[in-house]
C-alpha cells in the first residue's frame, strides 16, 4: 500500500492548510473496502496477516476526521498476550494499555508522519473493553482490532456502543486466536446480511506485506 500526501488549498481565514493523506489502494479487496465504507455503519475486515486490515481501518478513520465526518477515533484491542506473559505493567491506564495499542499507533504514525503525535493527542481515545460498559460513542469511528481475541459477549458489548453519527470497523483473523472461546466467526455469521453491516474477506492473494509472508502462511496455517 503506497502513501501519497498533499496539502489542501489554503483556507480563506488564514488557518494552516490541513495536510490530508491519500492512500493508493493495491488490491481489488482494498478498493472494495473503500467503496463499501460510506454505505455501512459496521464494517468487518477479515483475513490473514499482511492484507492491510489495521492499516485500512486506521486510514478510513483518519479520513473521516479530515472530512469532518467524525470528531474522534476510539481504538480498542483485546488485552491478550500471545503465548507470553509480560506480567504486571506499571503506570496509569494509558501506560498499561499502550503496549497493546502500539500496532494502531504505528499505523497512525505511518499515515500522519510528523503530525502523528498531535493528531493522536487531539483525536484518538483508547477504550479498553473492561471499561466500555455504559458508554455510547457518538460521531466517532470505533476501531476494534484483533477481534479474534474477543468472545461473543465482548463483541456484543462493543457493537452496542455505537451512537449517532458513528461507525465501527472490526478487524480480525478467524484462523488465529490466542483465546479458546473466540466469538468473531460466530458473530460475523450471525450478522451476515444485516442491513448496515458490511463484511470483507481477504485472502492470501491480498497480502501486501513482504512476499514471503504468504508463503509462510501456506506452510503454517
Foldseek 3Di string as FASTA:
>chain_A
DDKDKDWDDQDPVRDDTDIAIDDDDDDPLLVVCVVCVVFFQEEEEEEDPQLCQLLSLLNVQVVCVVVVLAQAEEEEEAPDDAVDDPPDDDDDPCRRCCVVCVVNLVSLCVGVPPCSVVCCVRHYDYDYLVRQPPAAGARYEYEYEAQQADAPVSVVSVVVNYDHSYGYYYYHYVVDYRDDHGHVVVVCVVCPPPRRYYYRYDYLVSRPPPPVVSVVVVVVD
